[in-house]
């Protein structure tokens, strides 16, 4: 159980949680920690909106991909519907992160 009384399964980590972790580990004030988290997330969002790849070593990469127009189908009615072109963001976890999630010890590599 976490300090909120909820189990760790299904818990959502929020911006406030990240800011609190920075506050606890780095020693910045709470407001400075919150500003730092906001600045990092904002820079990541700006880079992704420009179509750049955001790569965090030992964590993974966020990539924006373009999807072309295609024909989809309404699963309820079966009617074909055009799906317009769009950009989507995908996350590709590093092997280190995959190993941690699966409880394995993985050597740190520049991924």
PDB file of N, CA and C in Angstrom:
ATOM      1  N   UNK A   1       0.831  -1.184   0.000  1.00  0.00           N
ATOM      2  CA  UNK A   1       0.000   0.000   0.000  1.00  0.00           C
ATOM      3  C   UNK A   1       0.878   1.251   0.000  1.00  0.00           C
ATOM      4  N   UNK A   2       0.396   2.277  -0.661  1.00  0.00           N
ATOM      5  CA  UNK A   2       1.095   3.553  -0.678  1.00  0.00           C
ATOM      6  C   UNK A   2       0.612   4.390   0.493  1.00  0.00           C
ATOM      7  N   UNK A   3       1.236   5.564   0.676  1.00  0.00           N
ATOM      8  CA  UNK A   3       0.846   6.399   1.804  1.00  0.00           C
ATOM      9  C   UNK A   3      -0.589   6.899   1.683  1.00  0.00           C
ATOM     10  N   UNK A   4      -1.161   6.872   0.455  1.00  0.00           N
ATOM     11  CA  UNK A   4      -2.550   7.284   0.282  1.00  0.00           C
ATOM     12  C   UNK A   4      -3.512   6.160   0.642  1.00  0.00           C
ATOM     13  N   UNK A   5      -2.967   4.963   0.930  1.00  0.00           N
ATOM     14  CA  UNK A   5      -3.808   3.845   1.308  1.00  0.00           C
ATOM     15  C   UNK A   5      -4.216   2.981   0.134  1.00  0.00           C
ATOM     16  N   UNK A   6      -3.839   3.399  -1.076  1.00  0.00           N
ATOM     17  CA  UNK A   6      -4.171   2.613  -2.259  1.00  0.00           C
ATOM     18  C   UNK A   6      -3.020   1.675  -2.570  1.00  0.00           C
ATOM     19  N   UNK A   7      -3.344   0.559  -3.195  1.00  0.00           N
ATOM     20  CA  UNK A   7      -2.273  -0.345  -3.599  1.00  0.00           C
ATOM     21  C   UNK A   7      -1.553   0.257  -4.794  1.00  0.00           C
ATOM     22  N   UNK A   8      -0.330  -0.166  -5.030  1.00  0.00           N
ATOM     23  CA  UNK A   8       0.474   0.376  -6.127  1.00  0.00           C
ATOM     24  C   UNK A   8      -0.053  -0.065  -7.488  1.00  0.00           C
ATOM     25  N   UNK A   9      -0.836  -1.131  -7.534  1.00  0.00           N
ATOM     26  CA  UNK A   9      -1.377  -1.617  -8.794  1.00  0.00           C
ATOM     27  C   UNK A   9      -2.448  -0.642  -9.279  1.00  0.00           C
ATOM     28  N   UNK A  10      -2.305  -0.176 -10.506  1.00  0.00           N
ATOM     29  CA  UNK A  10      -3.299   0.711 -11.073  1.00  0.00           C
ATOM     30  C   UNK A  10      -3.164   2.161 -10.635  1.00  0.00           C
ATOM     31  N   UNK A  11      -2.164   2.486  -9.873  1.00  0.00           N
ATOM     32  CA  UNK A  11      -1.965   3.853  -9.404  1.00  0.00           C
ATOM     33  C   UNK A  11      -1.461   4.710 -10.554  1.00  0.00           C
ATOM     34  N   UNK A  12      -1.877   5.963 -10.585  1.00  0.00           N
ATOM     35  CA  UNK A  12      -1.439   6.906 -11.601  1.00  0.00           C
ATOM     36  C   UNK A  12      -0.444   7.871 -10.982  1.00  0.00           C
ATOM     37  N   UNK A  13       0.689   8.054 -11.623  1.00  0.00           N
ATOM     38  CA  UNK A  13       1.679   9.025 -11.170  1.00  0.00           C
ATOM     39  C   UNK A  13       1.338  10.352 -11.829  1.00  0.00           C
ATOM     40  N   UNK A  14       1.153  11.387 -11.027  1.00  0.00           N
ATOM     41  CA  UNK A  14       0.748  12.698 -11.520  1.00  0.00           C
ATOM     42  C   UNK A  14       1.928  13.661 -11.549  1.00  0.00           C
ATOM     43  N   UNK A  15       1.703  14.842 -12.102  1.00  0.00           N
ATOM     44  CA  UNK A  15       2.723  15.892 -12.094  1.00  0.00           C
ATOM     45  C   UNK A  15       3.094  16.240 -10.658  1.00  0.00           C
ATOM     46  N   UNK A  16       2.087  16.275  -9.800  1.00  0.00           N
ATOM     47  CA  UNK A  16       2.341  16.583  -8.389  1.00  0.00           C
ATOM     48  C   UNK A  16       3.244  15.517  -7.757  1.00  0.00           C
ATOM     49  N   UNK A  17       3.039  14.263  -8.106  1.00  0.00           N
ATOM     50  CA  UNK A  17       3.889  13.181  -7.601  1.00  0.00           C
ATOM     51  C   UNK A  17       5.328  13.358  -8.082  1.00  0.00           C
ATOM     52  N   UNK A  18       5.489  13.720  -9.354  1.00  0.00           N
ATOM     53  CA  UNK A  18       6.829  13.939  -9.895  1.00  0.00           C
ATOM     54  C   UNK A  18       7.501  15.120  -9.200  1.00  0.00           C
ATOM     55  N   UNK A  19       6.747  16.200  -9.003  1.00  0.00           N
ATOM     56  CA  UNK A  19       7.296  17.381  -8.322  1.00  0.00           C
ATOM     57  C   UNK A  19       7.691  17.036  -6.887  1.00  0.00           C
ATOM     58  N   UNK A  20       6.886  16.236  -6.217  1.00  0.00           N
ATOM     59  CA  UNK A  20       7.195  15.832  -4.841  1.00  0.00           C
ATOM     60  C   UNK A  20       8.470  14.982  -4.807  1.00  0.00           C
ATOM     61  N   UNK A  21       8.644  14.094  -5.796  1.00  0.00           N
ATOM     62  CA  UNK A  21       9.846  13.266  -5.865  1.00  0.00           C
ATOM     63  C   UNK A  21      11.082  14.132  -6.082  1.00  0.00           C
ATOM     64  N   UNK A  22      10.973  15.147  -6.946  1.00  0.00           N
ATOM     65  CA  UNK A  22      12.094  16.064  -7.165  1.00  0.00           C
ATOM     66  C   UNK A  22      12.394  16.811  -5.865  1.00  0.00           C
ATOM     67  N   UNK A  23      11.350  17.279  -5.201  1.00  0.00           N
ATOM     68  CA  UNK A  23      11.514  17.997  -3.925  1.00  0.00           C
ATOM     69  C   UNK A  23      12.258  17.127  -2.903  1.00  0.00           C
ATOM     70  N   UNK A  24      11.845  15.876  -2.782  1.00  0.00           N
ATOM     71  CA  UNK A  24      12.421  14.971  -1.787  1.00  0.00           C
ATOM     72  C   UNK A  24      13.866  14.584  -2.106  1.00  0.00           C
ATOM     73  N   UNK A  25      14.153  14.368  -3.395  1.00  0.00           N
ATOM     74  CA  UNK A  25      15.469  13.845  -3.770  1.00  0.00           C
ATOM     75  C   UNK A  25      16.497  14.906  -4.121  1.00  0.00           C
ATOM     76  N   UNK A  26      16.057  16.027  -4.666  1.00  0.00           N
ATOM     77  CA  UNK A  26      17.003  17.034  -5.142  1.00  0.00           C
ATOM     78  C   UNK A  26      17.204  18.148  -4.124  1.00  0.00           C
ATOM     79  N   UNK A  27      16.161  18.435  -3.367  1.00  0.00           N
ATOM     80  CA  UNK A  27      16.298  19.464  -2.348  1.00  0.00           C
ATOM     81  C   UNK A  27      15.869  20.853  -2.787  1.00  0.00           C
ATOM     82  N   UNK A  28      15.265  20.962  -3.966  1.00  0.00           N
ATOM     83  CA  UNK A  28      14.697  22.247  -4.371  1.00  0.00           C
ATOM     84  C   UNK A  28      13.433  22.496  -3.553  1.00  0.00           C
ATOM     85  N   UNK A  29      12.955  23.729  -3.531  1.00  0.00           N
ATOM     86  CA  UNK A  29      11.696  24.009  -2.841  1.00  0.00           C
ATOM     87  C   UNK A  29      10.566  23.318  -3.604  1.00  0.00           C
ATOM     88  N   UNK A  30       9.410  23.221  -2.962  1.00  0.00           N
ATOM     89  CA  UNK A  30       8.282  22.566  -3.626  1.00  0.00           C
ATOM     90  C   UNK A  30       7.882  23.322  -4.890  1.00  0.00           C
ATOM     91  N   UNK A  31       7.866  24.652  -4.829  1.00  0.00           N
ATOM     92  CA  UNK A  31       7.466  25.420  -6.014  1.00  0.00           C
ATOM     93  C   UNK A  31       8.526  25.310  -7.110  1.00  0.00           C
ATOM     94  N   UNK A  32       9.801  25.318  -6.747  1.00  0.00           N
ATOM     95  CA  UNK A  32      10.865  25.143  -7.741  1.00  0.00           C
ATOM     96  C   UNK A  32      10.799  23.756  -8.368  1.00  0.00           C
ATOM     97  N   UNK A  33      10.488  22.748  -7.566  1.00  0.00           N
ATOM     98  CA  UNK A  33      10.367  21.375  -8.069  1.00  0.00           C
ATOM     99  C   UNK A  33       9.213  21.278  -9.061  1.00  0.00           C
ATOM    100  N   UNK A  34       8.090  21.901  -8.730  1.00  0.00           N
ATOM    101  CA  UNK A  34       6.932  21.888  -9.629  1.00  0.00           C
ATOM    102  C   UNK A  34       7.262  22.613 -10.924  1.00  0.00           C
ATOM    103  N   UNK A  35       7.971  23.747 -10.832  1.00  0.00           N
ATOM    104  CA  UNK A  35       8.366  24.487 -12.026  1.00  0.00           C
ATOM    105  C   UNK A  35       9.309  23.667 -12.899  1.00  0.00           C
ATOM    106  N   UNK A  36      10.238  22.967 -12.278  1.00  0.00           N
ATOM    107  CA  UNK A  36      11.180  22.135 -13.025  1.00  0.00           C
ATOM    108  C   UNK A  36      10.453  21.035 -13.786  1.00  0.00           C
ATOM    109  N   UNK A  37       9.529  20.359 -13.125  1.00  0.00           N
ATOM    110  CA  UNK A  37       8.758  19.297 -13.778  1.00  0.00           C
ATOM    111  C   UNK A  37       7.973  19.884 -14.950  1.00  0.00           C
ATOM    112  N   UNK A  38       7.329  21.026 -14.750  1.00  0.00           N
ATOM    113  CA  UNK A  38       6.565  21.673 -15.817  1.00  0.00           C
ATOM    114  C   UNK A  38       7.463  22.046 -16.989  1.00  0.00           C
ATOM    115  N   UNK A  39       8.657  22.570 -16.704  1.00  0.00           N
ATOM    116  CA  UNK A  39       9.586  22.965 -17.761  1.00  0.00           C
ATOM    117  C   UNK A  39      10.030  21.752 -18.584  1.00  0.00           C
ATOM    118  N   UNK A  40      10.332  20.661 -17.921  1.00  0.00           N
ATOM    119  CA  UNK A  40      10.776  19.447 -18.623  1.00  0.00           C
ATOM    120  C   UNK A  40       9.642  18.907 -19.497  1.00  0.00           C
ATOM    121  N   UNK A  41       8.445  18.807 -18.938  1.00  0.00           N
ATOM    122  CA  UNK A  41       7.306  18.282 -19.710  1.00  0.00           C
ATOM    123  C   UNK A  41       6.960  19.212 -20.871  1.00  0.00           C
ATOM    124  N   UNK A  42       7.052  20.506 -20.650  1.00  0.00           N
ATOM    125  CA  UNK A  42       6.763  21.481 -21.701  1.00  0.00           C
ATOM    126  C   UNK A  42       7.779  21.375 -22.836  1.00  0.00           C
ATOM    127  N   UNK A  43       9.042  21.227 -22.489  1.00  0.00           N
ATOM    128  CA  UNK A  43      10.080  21.092 -23.515  1.00  0.00           C
ATOM    129  C   UNK A  43       9.879  19.812 -24.323  1.00  0.00           C
ATOM    130  N   UNK A  44       9.504  18.726 -23.645  1.00  0.00           N
ATOM    131  CA  UNK A  44       9.240  17.474 -24.346  1.00  0.00           C
ATOM    132  C   UNK A  44       8.054  17.643 -25.300  1.00  0.00           C
ATOM    133  N   UNK A  45       6.978  18.272 -24.826  1.00  0.00           N
ATOM    134  CA  UNK A  45       5.786  18.473 -25.654  1.00  0.00           C
ATOM    135  C   UNK A  45       6.103  19.366 -26.849  1.00  0.00           C
ATOM    136  N   UNK A  46       6.889  20.421 -26.637  1.00  0.00           N
ATOM    137  CA  UNK A  46       7.269  21.311 -27.739  1.00  0.00           C
ATOM    138  C   UNK A  46       8.079  20.563 -28.789  1.00  0.00           C
ATOM    139  N   UNK A  47       9.038  19.766 -28.352  1.00  0.00           N
ATOM    140  CA  UNK A  47       9.870  19.005 -29.283  1.00  0.00           C
ATOM    141  C   UNK A  47       9.015  18.020 -30.083  1.00  0.00           C
ATOM    142  N   UNK A  48       8.095  17.337 -29.420  1.00  0.00           N
ATOM    143  CA  UNK A  48       7.233  16.374 -30.109  1.00  0.00           C
ATOM    144  C   UNK A  48       6.309  17.078 -31.101  1.00  0.00           C
ATOM    145  N   UNK A  49       5.798  18.251 -30.729  1.00  0.00           N
ATOM    146  CA  UNK A  49       4.912  18.974 -31.643  1.00  0.00           C
ATOM    147  C   UNK A  49       5.664  19.442 -32.885  1.00  0.00           C
ATOM    148  N   UNK A  50       6.977  19.638 -32.770  1.00  0.00           N
ATOM    149  CA  UNK A  50       7.810  19.985 -33.922  1.00  0.00           C
ATOM    150  C   UNK A  50       8.190  18.739 -34.732  1.00  0.00           C
ATOM    151  N   UNK A  51       7.797  17.562 -34.276  1.00  0.00           N
ATOM    152  CA  UNK A  51       8.095  16.324 -34.989  1.00  0.00           C
ATOM    153  C   UNK A  51       9.428  15.711 -34.616  1.00  0.00           C
ATOM    154  N   UNK A  52      10.065  16.211 -33.557  1.00  0.00           N
ATOM    155  CA  UNK A  52      11.351  15.685 -33.123  1.00  0.00           C
ATOM    156  C   UNK A  52      11.150  14.447 -32.262  1.00  0.00           C
ATOM    157  N   UNK A  53      12.178  13.598 -32.211  1.00  0.00           N
ATOM    158  CA  UNK A  53      12.171  12.428 -31.345  1.00  0.00           C
ATOM    159  C   UNK A  53      12.696  12.857 -29.979  1.00  0.00           C
ATOM    160  N   UNK A  54      12.015  12.437 -28.918  1.00  0.00           N
ATOM    161  CA  UNK A  54      12.499  12.691 -27.557  1.00  0.00           C
ATOM    162  C   UNK A  54      13.017  11.366 -27.026  1.00  0.00           C
ATOM    163  N   UNK A  55      14.339  11.290 -26.830  1.00  0.00           N
ATOM    164  CA  UNK A  55      14.976  10.052 -26.389  1.00  0.00           C
ATOM    165  C   UNK A  55      15.553  10.260 -24.992  1.00  0.00           C
ATOM    166  N   UNK A  56      15.105   9.452 -24.055  1.00  0.00           N
ATOM    167  CA  UNK A  56      15.598   9.493 -22.684  1.00  0.00           C
ATOM    168  C   UNK A  56      16.372   8.209 -22.445  1.00  0.00           C
ATOM    169  N   UNK A  57      17.684   8.345 -22.357  1.00  0.00           N
ATOM    170  CA  UNK A  57      18.555   7.196 -22.211  1.00  0.00           C
ATOM    171  C   UNK A  57      18.117   6.333 -21.028  1.00  0.00           C
ATOM    172  N   UNK A  58      18.124   5.044 -21.193  1.00  0.00           N
ATOM    173  CA  UNK A  58      17.730   4.037 -20.197  1.00  0.00           C
ATOM    174  C   UNK A  58      16.238   4.066 -19.873  1.00  0.00           C
ATOM    175  N   UNK A  59      15.468   4.882 -20.609  1.00  0.00           N
ATOM    176  CA  UNK A  59      14.020   4.946 -20.378  1.00  0.00           C
ATOM    177  C   UNK A  59      13.271   4.580 -21.649  1.00  0.00           C
ATOM    178  N   UNK A  60      13.479   5.359 -22.711  1.00  0.00           N
ATOM    179  CA  UNK A  60      12.810   5.062 -23.970  1.00  0.00           C
ATOM    180  C   UNK A  60      12.740   6.278 -24.850  1.00  0.00           C
ATOM    181  N   UNK A  61      12.017   6.139 -25.964  1.00  0.00           N
ATOM    182  CA  UNK A  61      11.890   7.214 -26.934  1.00  0.00           C
ATOM    183  C   UNK A  61      10.430   7.490 -27.236  1.00  0.00           C
ATOM    184  N   UNK A  62      10.104   8.779 -27.342  1.00  0.00           N
ATOM    185  CA  UNK A  62       8.799   9.222 -27.787  1.00  0.00           C
ATOM    186  C   UNK A  62       8.976   9.670 -29.228  1.00  0.00           C
ATOM    187  N   UNK A  63       8.154   9.141 -30.132  1.00  0.00           N
ATOM    188  CA  UNK A  63       8.297   9.418 -31.556  1.00  0.00           C
ATOM    189  C   UNK A  63       6.935   9.816 -32.113  1.00  0.00           C
ATOM    190  N   UNK A  64       6.924  10.833 -32.988  1.00  0.00           N
ATOM    191  CA  UNK A  64       5.697  11.224 -33.676  1.00  0.00           C
ATOM    192  C   UNK A  64       5.728  10.582 -35.064  1.00  0.00           C
ATOM    193  N   UNK A  65       4.656   9.890 -35.400  1.00  0.00           N
ATOM    194  CA  UNK A  65       4.556   9.245 -36.709  1.00  0.00           C
ATOM    195  C   UNK A  65       3.356   9.817 -37.454  1.00  0.00           C
ATOM    196  N   UNK A  66       3.482   9.887 -38.762  1.00  0.00           N
ATOM    197  CA  UNK A  66       2.373  10.345 -39.595  1.00  0.00           C
ATOM    198  C   UNK A  66       1.618   9.136 -40.121  1.00  0.00           C
ATOM    199  N   UNK A  67       0.305   9.204 -40.011  1.00  0.00           N
ATOM    200  CA  UNK A  67      -0.537   8.134 -40.550  1.00  0.00           C
ATOM    201  C   UNK A  67      -1.322   8.717 -41.716  1.00  0.00           C
ATOM    202  N   UNK A  68      -1.339   8.001 -42.797  1.00  0.00           N
ATOM    203  CA  UNK A  68      -2.051   8.454 -43.987  1.00  0.00           C
ATOM    204  C   UNK A  68      -3.544   8.226 -43.870  1.00  0.00           C
ATOM    205  N   UNK A  69      -4.253   8.773 -44.838  1.00  0.00           N
ATOM    206  CA  UNK A  69      -5.705   8.584 -44.885  1.00  0.00           C
ATOM    207  C   UNK A  69      -5.993   7.109 -45.179  1.00  0.00           C
ATOM    208  N   UNK A  70      -7.045   6.609 -44.583  1.00  0.00           N
ATOM    209  CA  UNK A  70      -7.429   5.223 -44.827  1.00  0.00           C
ATOM    210  C   UNK A  70      -8.928   5.077 -44.620  1.00  0.00           C
ATOM    211  N   UNK A  71      -9.434   3.936 -44.985  1.00  0.00           N
ATOM    212  CA  UNK A  71     -10.860   3.657 -44.802  1.00  0.00           C
ATOM    213  C   UNK A  71     -11.013   2.788 -43.576  1.00  0.00           C
ATOM    214  N   UNK A  72     -11.846   3.241 -42.659  1.00  0.00           N
ATOM    215  CA  UNK A  72     -12.147   2.465 -41.467  1.00  0.00           C
ATOM    216  C   UNK A  72     -13.574   1.947 -41.547  1.00  0.00           C
ATOM    217  N   UNK A  73     -13.942   1.195 -40.551  1.00  0.00           N
ATOM    218  CA  UNK A  73     -15.292   0.620 -40.559  1.00  0.00           C
ATOM    219  C   UNK A  73     -15.912   0.784 -39.172  1.00  0.00           C
ATOM    220  N   UNK A  74     -17.121   1.275 -39.136  1.00  0.00           N
ATOM    221  CA  UNK A  74     -17.852   1.371 -37.881  1.00  0.00           C
ATOM    222  C   UNK A  74     -18.154  -0.057 -37.431  1.00  0.00           C
ATOM    223  N   UNK A  75     -17.618  -0.478 -36.264  1.00  0.00           N
ATOM    224  CA  UNK A  75     -17.803  -1.873 -35.860  1.00  0.00           C
ATOM    225  C   UNK A  75     -19.258  -2.237 -35.572  1.00  0.00           C
ATOM    226  N   UNK A  76     -20.073  -1.250 -35.222  1.00  0.00           N
ATOM    227  CA  UNK A  76     -21.471  -1.529 -34.885  1.00  0.00           C
ATOM    228  C   UNK A  76     -22.333  -1.687 -36.131  1.00  0.00           C
ATOM    229  N   UNK A  77     -22.121  -0.781 -37.107  1.00  0.00           N
ATOM    230  CA  UNK A  77     -22.980  -0.791 -38.293  1.00  0.00           C
ATOM    231  C   UNK A  77     -22.316  -1.409 -39.510  1.00  0.00           C
ATOM    232  N   UNK A  78     -20.985  -1.465 -39.522  1.00  0.00           N
ATOM    233  CA  UNK A  78     -20.268  -1.998 -40.674  1.00  0.00           C
ATOM    234  C   UNK A  78     -20.083  -0.984 -41.786  1.00  0.00           C
ATOM    235  N   UNK A  79     -20.534   0.255 -41.566  1.00  0.00           N
ATOM    236  CA  UNK A  79     -20.418   1.299 -42.581  1.00  0.00           C
ATOM    237  C   UNK A  79     -18.966   1.758 -42.682  1.00  0.00           C
ATOM    238  N   UNK A  80     -18.481   1.881 -43.928  1.00  0.00           N
ATOM    239  CA  UNK A  80     -17.120   2.360 -44.136  1.00  0.00           C
ATOM    240  C   UNK A  80     -17.073   3.867 -43.932  1.00  0.00           C
ATOM    241  N   UNK A  81     -16.011   4.310 -43.252  1.00  0.00           N
ATOM    242  CA  UNK A  81     -15.844   5.728 -42.939  1.00  0.00           C
ATOM    243  C   UNK A  81     -14.408   6.118 -43.258  1.00  0.00           C
ATOM    244  N   UNK A  82     -14.200   7.267 -43.937  1.00  0.00           N
ATOM    245  CA  UNK A  82     -12.818   7.681 -44.184  1.00  0.00           C
ATOM    246  C   UNK A  82     -12.181   8.208 -42.897  1.00  0.00           C
ATOM    247  N   UNK A  83     -10.947   7.808 -42.656  1.00  0.00           N
ATOM    248  CA  UNK A  83     -10.188   8.293 -41.496  1.00  0.00           C
ATOM    249  C   UNK A  83      -9.136   9.234 -42.054  1.00  0.00           C
ATOM    250  N   UNK A  84      -9.156  10.476 -41.593  1.00  0.00           N
ATOM    251  CA  UNK A  84      -8.271  11.501 -42.130  1.00  0.00           C
ATOM    252  C   UNK A  84      -6.827  11.270 -41.700  1.00  0.00           C
ATOM    253  N   UNK A  85      -5.874  11.815 -42.469  1.00  0.00           N
ATOM    254  CA  UNK A  85      -4.464  11.705 -42.079  1.00  0.00           C
ATOM    255  C   UNK A  85      -4.240  12.416 -40.748  1.00  0.00           C
ATOM    256  N   UNK A  86      -3.326  11.901 -39.965  1.00  0.00           N
ATOM    257  CA  UNK A  86      -3.048  12.509 -38.659  1.00  0.00           C
ATOM    258  C   UNK A  86      -1.669  12.097 -38.190  1.00  0.00           C
ATOM    259  N   UNK A  87      -1.225  12.771 -37.138  1.00  0.00           N
ATOM    260  CA  UNK A  87       0.049  12.416 -36.502  1.00  0.00           C
ATOM    261  C   UNK A  87      -0.275  11.755 -35.166  1.00  0.00           C
ATOM    262  N   UNK A  88       0.447  10.709 -34.857  1.00  0.00           N
ATOM    263  CA  UNK A  88       0.259  10.001 -33.591  1.00  0.00           C
ATOM    264  C   UNK A  88       1.596   9.902 -32.877  1.00  0.00           C
ATOM    265  N   UNK A  89       1.535   9.850 -31.569  1.00  0.00           N
ATOM    266  CA  UNK A  89       2.750   9.703 -30.791  1.00  0.00           C
ATOM    267  C   UNK A  89       2.830   8.271 -30.278  1.00  0.00           C
ATOM    268  N   UNK A  90       4.019   7.697 -30.384  1.00  0.00           N
ATOM    269  CA  UNK A  90       4.239   6.355 -29.864  1.00  0.00           C
ATOM    270  C   UNK A  90       5.425   6.394 -28.902  1.00  0.00           C
ATOM    271  N   UNK A  91       5.408   5.480 -27.962  1.00  0.00           N
ATOM    272  CA  UNK A  91       6.502   5.356 -27.005  1.00  0.00           C
ATOM    273  C   UNK A  91       7.149   4.009 -27.194  1.00  0.00           C
ATOM    274  N   UNK A  92       8.472   4.019 -27.344  1.00  0.00           N
ATOM    275  CA  UNK A  92       9.217   2.773 -27.474  1.00  0.00           C
ATOM    276  C   UNK A  92      10.124   2.662 -26.246  1.00  0.00           C
ATOM    277  N   UNK A  93       9.789   1.778 -25.322  1.00  0.00           N
ATOM    278  CA  UNK A  93      10.608   1.647 -24.111  1.00  0.00           C
ATOM    279  C   UNK A  93      11.972   1.046 -24.420  1.00  0.00           C
ATOM    280  N   UNK A  94      12.962   1.456 -23.626  1.00  0.00           N
ATOM    281  CA  UNK A  94      14.301   0.888 -23.777  1.00  0.00           C
ATOM    282  C   UNK A  94      14.303  -0.533 -23.220  1.00  0.00           C
ATOM    283  N   UNK A  95      15.335  -1.293 -23.563  1.00  0.00           N
ATOM    284  CA  UNK A  95      15.461  -2.648 -23.020  1.00  0.00           C
ATOM    285  C   UNK A  95      15.633  -2.612 -21.511  1.00  0.00           C
ATOM    286  N   UNK A  96      16.266  -1.557 -21.005  1.00  0.00           N
ATOM    287  CA  UNK A  96      16.457  -1.424 -19.556  1.00  0.00           C
ATOM    288  C   UNK A  96      15.108  -1.260 -18.866  1.00  0.00           C
ATOM    289  N   UNK A  97      14.257  -0.398 -19.405  1.00  0.00           N
ATOM    290  CA  UNK A  97      12.939  -0.192 -18.814  1.00  0.00           C
ATOM    291  C   UNK A  97      12.093  -1.458 -18.919  1.00  0.00           C
ATOM    292  N   UNK A  98      12.141  -2.110 -20.069  1.00  0.00           N
ATOM    293  CA  UNK A  98      11.390  -3.367 -20.223  1.00  0.00           C
ATOM    294  C   UNK A  98      11.827  -4.386 -19.170  1.00  0.00           C
ATOM    295  N   UNK A  99      13.142  -4.472 -18.960  1.00  0.00           N
ATOM    296  CA  UNK A  99      13.651  -5.403 -17.950  1.00  0.00           C
ATOM    297  C   UNK A  99      13.184  -5.053 -16.555  1.00  0.00           C
ATOM    298  N   UNK A 100      13.217  -3.767 -16.207  1.00  0.00           N
ATOM    299  CA  UNK A 100      12.760  -3.334 -14.875  1.00  0.00           C
ATOM    300  C   UNK A 100      11.291  -3.656 -14.662  1.00  0.00           C
ATOM    301  N   UNK A 101      10.477  -3.408 -15.696  1.00  0.00           N
ATOM    302  CA  UNK A 101       9.046  -3.686 -15.602  1.00  0.00           C
ATOM    303  C   UNK A 101       8.813  -5.178 -15.378  1.00  0.00           C
ATOM    304  N   UNK A 102       9.666  -6.007 -15.965  1.00  0.00           N
ATOM    305  CA  UNK A 102       9.532  -7.461 -15.838  1.00  0.00           C
ATOM    306  C   UNK A 102      10.343  -8.041 -14.691  1.00  0.00           C
ATOM    307  N   UNK A 103      10.890  -7.170 -13.829  1.00  0.00           N
ATOM    308  CA  UNK A 103      11.615  -7.633 -12.656  1.00  0.00           C
ATOM    309  C   UNK A 103      12.985  -8.194 -12.928  1.00  0.00           C
ATOM    310  N   UNK A 104      13.575  -7.851 -14.061  1.00  0.00           N
ATOM    311  CA  UNK A 104      14.894  -8.353 -14.407  1.00  0.00           C
ATOM    312  C   UNK A 104      15.925  -7.248 -14.179  1.00  0.00           C
ATOM    313  N   UNK A 105      17.138  -7.671 -13.912  1.00  0.00           N
ATOM    314  CA  UNK A 105      18.241  -6.731 -13.792  1.00  0.00           C
ATOM    315  C   UNK A 105      18.895  -6.656 -15.160  1.00  0.00           C
ATOM    316  N   UNK A 106      18.924  -5.458 -15.735  1.00  0.00           N
ATOM    317  CA  UNK A 106      19.498  -5.263 -17.060  1.00  0.00           C
ATOM    318  C   UNK A 106      20.640  -4.278 -16.936  1.00  0.00           C
ATOM    319  N   UNK A 107      21.777  -4.601 -17.584  1.00  0.00           N
ATOM    320  CA  UNK A 107      22.906  -3.690 -17.549  1.00  0.00           C
ATOM    321  C   UNK A 107      22.540  -2.389 -18.220  1.00  0.00           C
ATOM    322  N   UNK A 108      23.014  -1.273 -17.656  1.00  0.00           N
ATOM    323  CA  UNK A 108      22.767   0.043 -18.223  1.00  0.00           C
ATOM    324  C   UNK A 108      23.517   0.172 -19.529  1.00  0.00           C
ATOM    325  N   UNK A 109      22.756   0.446 -20.600  1.00  0.00           N
ATOM    326  CA  UNK A 109      23.348   0.622 -21.918  1.00  0.00           C
ATOM    327  C   UNK A 109      22.814   1.915 -22.479  1.00  0.00           C
ATOM    328  N   UNK A 110      23.540   2.526 -23.375  1.00  0.00           N
ATOM    329  CA  UNK A 110      23.085   3.784 -23.959  1.00  0.00           C
ATOM    330  C   UNK A 110      22.057   3.456 -25.030  1.00  0.00           C
ATOM    331  N   UNK A 111      20.796   3.402 -24.641  1.00  0.00           N
ATOM    332  CA  UNK A 111      19.710   2.977 -25.528  1.00  0.00           C
ATOM    333  C   UNK A 111      18.950   4.179 -26.021  1.00  0.00           C
TER     334      UNK A 111
END
